[in-house]
Amino acid sequence: MATLRETKCGETVKVVKIRGEGAVKRRIMDMGITKNTQIYVRKVAPLGDPVEITVRGYELSLRKADAEMIEVE
């Protein structure tokens, strides 16, 4: 399964699963990233960190470590 970190700039993907435990998973879900949510990858920094996405109508920046926990299709 692909992760959000591997998604290229300009692609729209759907969240399949959020890996992680406890507070980290809760923080990601509190940002509006839940199962079956559409995510558009707006920008990726030159070194890959952070990733700027659009989710539920607003822009959000995620670290590589957080993006790696989000499985997409």
PDB file of N, CA and C in Angstrom:
ATOM      1  N   MET A   1       0.854  -1.184   0.000  1.00  0.00           N
ATOM      2  CA  MET A   1       0.000   0.000   0.000  1.00  0.00           C
ATOM      3  C   MET A   1       0.894   1.240   0.000  1.00  0.00           C
ATOM      4  N   ALA A   2       0.527   2.230  -0.784  1.00  0.00           N
ATOM      5  CA  ALA A   2       1.293   3.472  -0.876  1.00  0.00           C
ATOM      6  C   ALA A   2       0.990   4.377   0.325  1.00  0.00           C
ATOM      7  N   THR A   3       1.936   5.246   0.639  1.00  0.00           N
ATOM      8  CA  THR A   3       1.733   6.205   1.724  1.00  0.00           C
ATOM      9  C   THR A   3       1.629   7.610   1.147  1.00  0.00           C
ATOM     10  N   LEU A   4       1.154   8.531   1.948  1.00  0.00           N
ATOM     11  CA  LEU A   4       1.024   9.921   1.515  1.00  0.00           C
ATOM     12  C   LEU A   4       2.396  10.516   1.184  1.00  0.00           C
ATOM     13  N   ARG A   5       3.419  10.058   1.852  1.00  0.00           N
ATOM     14  CA  ARG A   5       4.779  10.558   1.591  1.00  0.00           C
ATOM     15  C   ARG A   5       5.227  10.239   0.169  1.00  0.00           C
ATOM     16  N   GLU A   6       4.800   9.111  -0.375  1.00  0.00           N
ATOM     17  CA  GLU A   6       5.204   8.679  -1.719  1.00  0.00           C
ATOM     18  C   GLU A   6       4.373   9.320  -2.819  1.00  0.00           C
ATOM     19  N   THR A   7       3.291  10.003  -2.464  1.00  0.00           N
ATOM     20  CA  THR A   7       2.404  10.627  -3.442  1.00  0.00           C
ATOM     21  C   THR A   7       3.083  11.829  -4.091  1.00  0.00           C
ATOM     22  N   LYS A   8       2.939  11.936  -5.394  1.00  0.00           N
ATOM     23  CA  LYS A   8       3.575  13.016  -6.148  1.00  0.00           C
ATOM     24  C   LYS A   8       2.750  14.299  -6.060  1.00  0.00           C
ATOM     25  N   CYS A   9       3.413  15.414  -6.292  1.00  0.00           N
ATOM     26  CA  CYS A   9       2.775  16.728  -6.298  1.00  0.00           C
ATOM     27  C   CYS A   9       1.713  16.775  -7.405  1.00  0.00           C
ATOM     28  N   GLY A  10       0.520  17.298  -7.080  1.00  0.00           N
ATOM     29  CA  GLY A  10      -0.559  17.409  -8.047  1.00  0.00           C
ATOM     30  C   GLY A  10      -1.519  16.241  -8.066  1.00  0.00           C
ATOM     31  N   GLU A  11      -1.262  15.195  -7.312  1.00  0.00           N
ATOM     32  CA  GLU A  11      -2.141  14.027  -7.281  1.00  0.00           C
ATOM     33  C   GLU A  11      -3.203  14.164  -6.192  1.00  0.00           C
ATOM     34  N   THR A  12      -4.360  13.551  -6.442  1.00  0.00           N
ATOM     35  CA  THR A  12      -5.419  13.462  -5.444  1.00  0.00           C
ATOM     36  C   THR A  12      -5.550  11.999  -5.059  1.00  0.00           C
ATOM     37  N   VAL A  13      -5.539  11.733  -3.757  1.00  0.00           N
ATOM     38  CA  VAL A  13      -5.605  10.361  -3.258  1.00  0.00           C
ATOM     39  C   VAL A  13      -6.687  10.259  -2.183  1.00  0.00           C
ATOM     40  N   LYS A  14      -7.045   9.014  -1.839  1.00  0.00           N
ATOM     41  CA  LYS A  14      -8.046   8.758  -0.801  1.00  0.00           C
ATOM     42  C   LYS A  14      -7.377   7.997   0.343  1.00  0.00           C
ATOM     43  N   VAL A  15      -7.661   8.395   1.569  1.00  0.00           N
ATOM     44  CA  VAL A  15      -7.072   7.757   2.746  1.00  0.00           C
ATOM     45  C   VAL A  15      -7.705   6.382   2.941  1.00  0.00           C
ATOM     46  N   VAL A  16      -6.859   5.367   3.099  1.00  0.00           N
ATOM     47  CA  VAL A  16      -7.320   4.009   3.333  1.00  0.00           C
ATOM     48  C   VAL A  16      -7.185   3.649   4.809  1.00  0.00           C
ATOM     49  N   LYS A  17      -6.036   4.030   5.409  1.00  0.00           N
ATOM     50  CA  LYS A  17      -5.765   3.645   6.790  1.00  0.00           C
ATOM     51  C   LYS A  17      -4.752   4.599   7.396  1.00  0.00           C
ATOM     52  N   ILE A  18      -4.885   4.833   8.696  1.00  0.00           N
ATOM     53  CA  ILE A  18      -3.897   5.631   9.423  1.00  0.00           C
ATOM     54  C   ILE A  18      -3.196   4.709  10.401  1.00  0.00           C
ATOM     55  N   ARG A  19      -1.891   4.554  10.196  1.00  0.00           N
ATOM     56  CA  ARG A  19      -1.104   3.744  11.125  1.00  0.00           C
ATOM     57  C   ARG A  19      -0.670   4.624  12.290  1.00  0.00           C
ATOM     58  N   GLY A  20      -0.152   4.026  13.323  1.00  0.00           N
ATOM     59  CA  GLY A  20       0.306   4.806  14.464  1.00  0.00           C
ATOM     60  C   GLY A  20      -0.479   4.452  15.703  1.00  0.00           C
ATOM     61  N   GLU A  21      -0.035   4.992  16.810  1.00  0.00           N
ATOM     62  CA  GLU A  21      -0.630   4.681  18.099  1.00  0.00           C
ATOM     63  C   GLU A  21      -0.932   5.934  18.885  1.00  0.00           C
ATOM     64  N   GLY A  22      -1.936   5.877  19.697  1.00  0.00           N
ATOM     65  CA  GLY A  22      -2.227   6.895  20.693  1.00  0.00           C
ATOM     66  C   GLY A  22      -2.303   8.327  20.212  1.00  0.00           C
ATOM     67  N   ALA A  23      -1.499   9.188  20.837  1.00  0.00           N
ATOM     68  CA  ALA A  23      -1.565  10.625  20.612  1.00  0.00           C
ATOM     69  C   ALA A  23      -1.214  11.024  19.179  1.00  0.00           C
ATOM     70  N   VAL A  24      -0.294  10.321  18.548  1.00  0.00           N
ATOM     71  CA  VAL A  24       0.107  10.658  17.181  1.00  0.00           C
ATOM     72  C   VAL A  24      -1.058  10.416  16.220  1.00  0.00           C
ATOM     73  N   LYS A  25      -1.694   9.272  16.343  1.00  0.00           N
ATOM     74  CA  LYS A  25      -2.842   8.954  15.490  1.00  0.00           C
ATOM     75  C   LYS A  25      -3.993   9.920  15.754  1.00  0.00           C
ATOM     76  N   ARG A  26      -4.241  10.245  16.995  1.00  0.00           N
ATOM     77  CA  ARG A  26      -5.320  11.166  17.374  1.00  0.00           C
ATOM     78  C   ARG A  26      -5.059  12.553  16.782  1.00  0.00           C
ATOM     79  N   ARG A  27      -3.801  13.024  16.806  1.00  0.00           N
ATOM     80  CA  ARG A  27      -3.456  14.334  16.270  1.00  0.00           C
ATOM     81  C   ARG A  27      -3.716  14.398  14.765  1.00  0.00           C
ATOM     82  N   ILE A  28      -3.347  13.336  14.053  1.00  0.00           N
ATOM     83  CA  ILE A  28      -3.588  13.279  12.605  1.00  0.00           C
ATOM     84  C   ILE A  28      -5.087  13.306  12.317  1.00  0.00           C
ATOM     85  N   MET A  29      -5.856  12.549  13.082  1.00  0.00           N
ATOM     86  CA  MET A  29      -7.301  12.511  12.878  1.00  0.00           C
ATOM     87  C   MET A  29      -7.951  13.850  13.251  1.00  0.00           C
ATOM     88  N   ASP A  30      -7.434  14.525  14.255  1.00  0.00           N
ATOM     89  CA  ASP A  30      -7.960  15.838  14.650  1.00  0.00           C
ATOM     90  C   ASP A  30      -7.745  16.890  13.562  1.00  0.00           C
ATOM     91  N   MET A  31      -6.757  16.685  12.703  1.00  0.00           N
ATOM     92  CA  MET A  31      -6.506  17.614  11.600  1.00  0.00           C
ATOM     93  C   MET A  31      -7.480  17.393  10.448  1.00  0.00           C
ATOM     94  N   GLY A  32      -8.357  16.407  10.557  1.00  0.00           N
ATOM     95  CA  GLY A  32      -9.346  16.148   9.522  1.00  0.00           C
ATOM     96  C   GLY A  32      -8.976  15.035   8.573  1.00  0.00           C
ATOM     97  N   ILE A  33      -7.869  14.354   8.835  1.00  0.00           N
ATOM     98  CA  ILE A  33      -7.435  13.257   7.974  1.00  0.00           C
ATOM     99  C   ILE A  33      -7.987  11.966   8.561  1.00  0.00           C
ATOM    100  N   THR A  34      -9.084  11.500   7.973  1.00  0.00           N
ATOM    101  CA  THR A  34      -9.734  10.273   8.426  1.00  0.00           C
ATOM    102  C   THR A  34      -9.937   9.342   7.235  1.00  0.00           C
ATOM    103  N   LYS A  35     -10.383   8.138   7.496  1.00  0.00           N
ATOM    104  CA  LYS A  35     -10.593   7.146   6.444  1.00  0.00           C
ATOM    105  C   LYS A  35     -11.561   7.680   5.390  1.00  0.00           C
ATOM    106  N   ASN A  36     -11.260   7.407   4.120  1.00  0.00           N
ATOM    107  CA  ASN A  36     -12.044   7.794   2.942  1.00  0.00           C
ATOM    108  C   ASN A  36     -12.025   9.290   2.636  1.00  0.00           C
ATOM    109  N   THR A  37     -11.157  10.061   3.271  1.00  0.00           N
ATOM    110  CA  THR A  37     -11.030  11.491   2.993  1.00  0.00           C
ATOM    111  C   THR A  37     -10.162  11.694   1.752  1.00  0.00           C
ATOM    112  N   GLN A  38     -10.572  12.617   0.877  1.00  0.00           N
ATOM    113  CA  GLN A  38      -9.786  12.963  -0.309  1.00  0.00           C
ATOM    114  C   GLN A  38      -8.697  13.954   0.082  1.00  0.00           C
ATOM    115  N   ILE A  39      -7.473  13.724  -0.390  1.00  0.00           N
ATOM    116  CA  ILE A  39      -6.339  14.605  -0.117  1.00  0.00           C
ATOM    117  C   ILE A  39      -5.680  14.971  -1.439  1.00  0.00           C
ATOM    118  N   TYR A  40      -5.479  16.271  -1.644  1.00  0.00           N
ATOM    119  CA  TYR A  40      -4.774  16.774  -2.820  1.00  0.00           C
ATOM    120  C   TYR A  40      -3.394  17.247  -2.376  1.00  0.00           C
ATOM    121  N   VAL A  41      -2.343  16.728  -3.006  1.00  0.00           N
ATOM    122  CA  VAL A  41      -0.975  17.101  -2.652  1.00  0.00           C
ATOM    123  C   VAL A  41      -0.613  18.355  -3.447  1.00  0.00           C
ATOM    124  N   ARG A  42      -0.495  19.497  -2.751  1.00  0.00           N
ATOM    125  CA  ARG A  42      -0.225  20.785  -3.389  1.00  0.00           C
ATOM    126  C   ARG A  42       1.253  20.974  -3.687  1.00  0.00           C
ATOM    127  N   LYS A  43       2.093  20.790  -2.689  1.00  0.00           N
ATOM    128  CA  LYS A  43       3.533  21.029  -2.837  1.00  0.00           C
ATOM    129  C   LYS A  43       4.306  20.024  -1.999  1.00  0.00           C
ATOM    130  N   VAL A  44       5.525  19.767  -2.456  1.00  0.00           N
ATOM    131  CA  VAL A  44       6.460  18.972  -1.668  1.00  0.00           C
ATOM    132  C   VAL A  44       7.753  19.775  -1.611  1.00  0.00           C
ATOM    133  N   ALA A  45       8.264  20.002  -0.423  1.00  0.00           N
ATOM    134  CA  ALA A  45       9.498  20.774  -0.267  1.00  0.00           C
ATOM    135  C   ALA A  45      10.654  20.064  -0.972  1.00  0.00           C
ATOM    136  N   PRO A  46      11.691  20.803  -1.368  1.00  0.00           N
ATOM    137  CA  PRO A  46      12.812  20.208  -2.106  1.00  0.00           C
ATOM    138  C   PRO A  46      13.429  18.979  -1.438  1.00  0.00           C
ATOM    139  N   LEU A  47      13.524  18.985  -0.133  1.00  0.00           N
ATOM    140  CA  LEU A  47      14.075  17.822   0.561  1.00  0.00           C
ATOM    141  C   LEU A  47      12.984  16.866   1.041  1.00  0.00           C
ATOM    142  N   GLY A  48      11.738  17.118   0.644  1.00  0.00           N
ATOM    143  CA  GLY A  48      10.633  16.224   0.962  1.00  0.00           C
ATOM    144  C   GLY A  48       9.948  16.508   2.285  1.00  0.00           C
ATOM    145  N   ASP A  49      10.401  17.513   3.018  1.00  0.00           N
ATOM    146  CA  ASP A  49       9.814  17.779   4.331  1.00  0.00           C
ATOM    147  C   ASP A  49       9.605  19.270   4.504  1.00  0.00           C
ATOM    148  N   PRO A  50       8.436  19.794   4.644  1.00  0.00           N
ATOM    149  CA  PRO A  50       7.136  19.128   4.789  1.00  0.00           C
ATOM    150  C   PRO A  50       6.422  18.937   3.451  1.00  0.00           C
ATOM    151  N   VAL A  51       5.265  18.296   3.535  1.00  0.00           N
ATOM    152  CA  VAL A  51       4.380  18.088   2.401  1.00  0.00           C
ATOM    153  C   VAL A  51       3.165  18.975   2.633  1.00  0.00           C
ATOM    154  N   GLU A  52       2.815  19.807   1.650  1.00  0.00           N
ATOM    155  CA  GLU A  52       1.641  20.676   1.792  1.00  0.00           C
ATOM    156  C   GLU A  52       0.470  20.032   1.061  1.00  0.00           C
ATOM    157  N   ILE A  53      -0.640  19.847   1.771  1.00  0.00           N
ATOM    158  CA  ILE A  53      -1.811  19.174   1.208  1.00  0.00           C
ATOM    159  C   ILE A  53      -3.055  20.044   1.393  1.00  0.00           C
ATOM    160  N   THR A  54      -4.089  19.713   0.623  1.00  0.00           N
ATOM    161  CA  THR A  54      -5.406  20.310   0.822  1.00  0.00           C
ATOM    162  C   THR A  54      -6.330  19.183   1.248  1.00  0.00           C
ATOM    163  N   VAL A  55      -6.952  19.356   2.413  1.00  0.00           N
ATOM    164  CA  VAL A  55      -7.868  18.355   2.946  1.00  0.00           C
ATOM    165  C   VAL A  55      -9.080  19.081   3.532  1.00  0.00           C
ATOM    166  N   ARG A  56     -10.269  18.637   3.140  1.00  0.00           N
ATOM    167  CA  ARG A  56     -11.534  19.229   3.617  1.00  0.00           C
ATOM    168  C   ARG A  56     -11.597  20.746   3.411  1.00  0.00           C
ATOM    169  N   GLY A  57     -10.985  21.227   2.325  1.00  0.00           N
ATOM    170  CA  GLY A  57     -11.082  22.628   1.972  1.00  0.00           C
ATOM    171  C   GLY A  57     -10.054  23.557   2.600  1.00  0.00           C
ATOM    172  N   TYR A  58      -9.087  23.031   3.317  1.00  0.00           N
ATOM    173  CA  TYR A  58      -8.054  23.901   3.879  1.00  0.00           C
ATOM    174  C   TYR A  58      -6.665  23.309   3.650  1.00  0.00           C
ATOM    175  N   GLU A  59      -5.656  24.189   3.692  1.00  0.00           N
ATOM    176  CA  GLU A  59      -4.277  23.771   3.466  1.00  0.00           C
ATOM    177  C   GLU A  59      -3.644  23.319   4.774  1.00  0.00           C
ATOM    178  N   LEU A  60      -2.798  22.318   4.673  1.00  0.00           N
ATOM    179  CA  LEU A  60      -2.174  21.734   5.844  1.00  0.00           C
ATOM    180  C   LEU A  60      -0.777  21.272   5.457  1.00  0.00           C
ATOM    181  N   SER A  61       0.186  21.460   6.338  1.00  0.00           N
ATOM    182  CA  SER A  61       1.546  20.964   6.111  1.00  0.00           C
ATOM    183  C   SER A  61       1.826  19.826   7.077  1.00  0.00           C
ATOM    184  N   LEU A  62       2.367  18.740   6.541  1.00  0.00           N
ATOM    185  CA  LEU A  62       2.678  17.555   7.347  1.00  0.00           C
ATOM    186  C   LEU A  62       4.153  17.231   7.247  1.00  0.00           C
ATOM    187  N   ARG A  63       4.709  16.753   8.343  1.00  0.00           N
ATOM    188  CA  ARG A  63       6.092  16.261   8.316  1.00  0.00           C
ATOM    189  C   ARG A  63       6.131  14.922   7.581  1.00  0.00           C
ATOM    190  N   LYS A  64       7.328  14.559   7.086  1.00  0.00           N
ATOM    191  CA  LYS A  64       7.490  13.278   6.401  1.00  0.00           C
ATOM    192  C   LYS A  64       7.080  12.108   7.286  1.00  0.00           C
ATOM    193  N   ALA A  65       7.445  12.179   8.557  1.00  0.00           N
ATOM    194  CA  ALA A  65       7.139  11.081   9.479  1.00  0.00           C
ATOM    195  C   ALA A  65       5.634  10.884   9.622  1.00  0.00           C
ATOM    196  N   ASP A  66       4.871  11.989   9.664  1.00  0.00           N
ATOM    197  CA  ASP A  66       3.417  11.888   9.767  1.00  0.00           C
ATOM    198  C   ASP A  66       2.813  11.411   8.452  1.00  0.00           C
ATOM    199  N   ALA A  67       3.316  11.906   7.324  1.00  0.00           N
ATOM    200  CA  ALA A  67       2.812  11.515   6.019  1.00  0.00           C
ATOM    201  C   ALA A  67       3.040  10.030   5.752  1.00  0.00           C
ATOM    202  N   GLU A  68       4.089   9.493   6.330  1.00  0.00           N
ATOM    203  CA  GLU A  68       4.408   8.077   6.137  1.00  0.00           C
ATOM    204  C   GLU A  68       3.405   7.158   6.853  1.00  0.00           C
ATOM    205  N   MET A  69       2.725   7.664   7.865  1.00  0.00           N
ATOM    206  CA  MET A  69       1.749   6.871   8.619  1.00  0.00           C
ATOM    207  C   MET A  69       0.389   6.777   7.925  1.00  0.00           C
ATOM    208  N   ILE A  70       0.186   7.572   6.870  1.00  0.00           N
ATOM    209  CA  ILE A  70      -1.113   7.636   6.209  1.00  0.00           C
ATOM    210  C   ILE A  70      -1.067   6.797   4.917  1.00  0.00           C
ATOM    211  N   GLU A  71      -1.808   5.689   4.883  1.00  0.00           N
ATOM    212  CA  GLU A  71      -1.870   4.834   3.702  1.00  0.00           C
ATOM    213  C   GLU A  71      -2.965   5.343   2.783  1.00  0.00           C
ATOM    214  N   VAL A  72      -2.638   5.452   1.484  1.00  0.00           N
ATOM    215  CA  VAL A  72      -3.574   6.023   0.509  1.00  0.00           C
ATOM    216  C   VAL A  72      -3.687   5.122  -0.709  1.00  0.00           C
ATOM    217  N   GLU A  73      -4.712   5.386  -1.505  1.00  0.00           N
ATOM    218  CA  GLU A  73      -4.877   4.675  -2.783  1.00  0.00           C
ATOM    219  C   GLU A  73      -5.202   5.668  -3.876  1.00  0.00           C
TER     220      GLU A  73
END
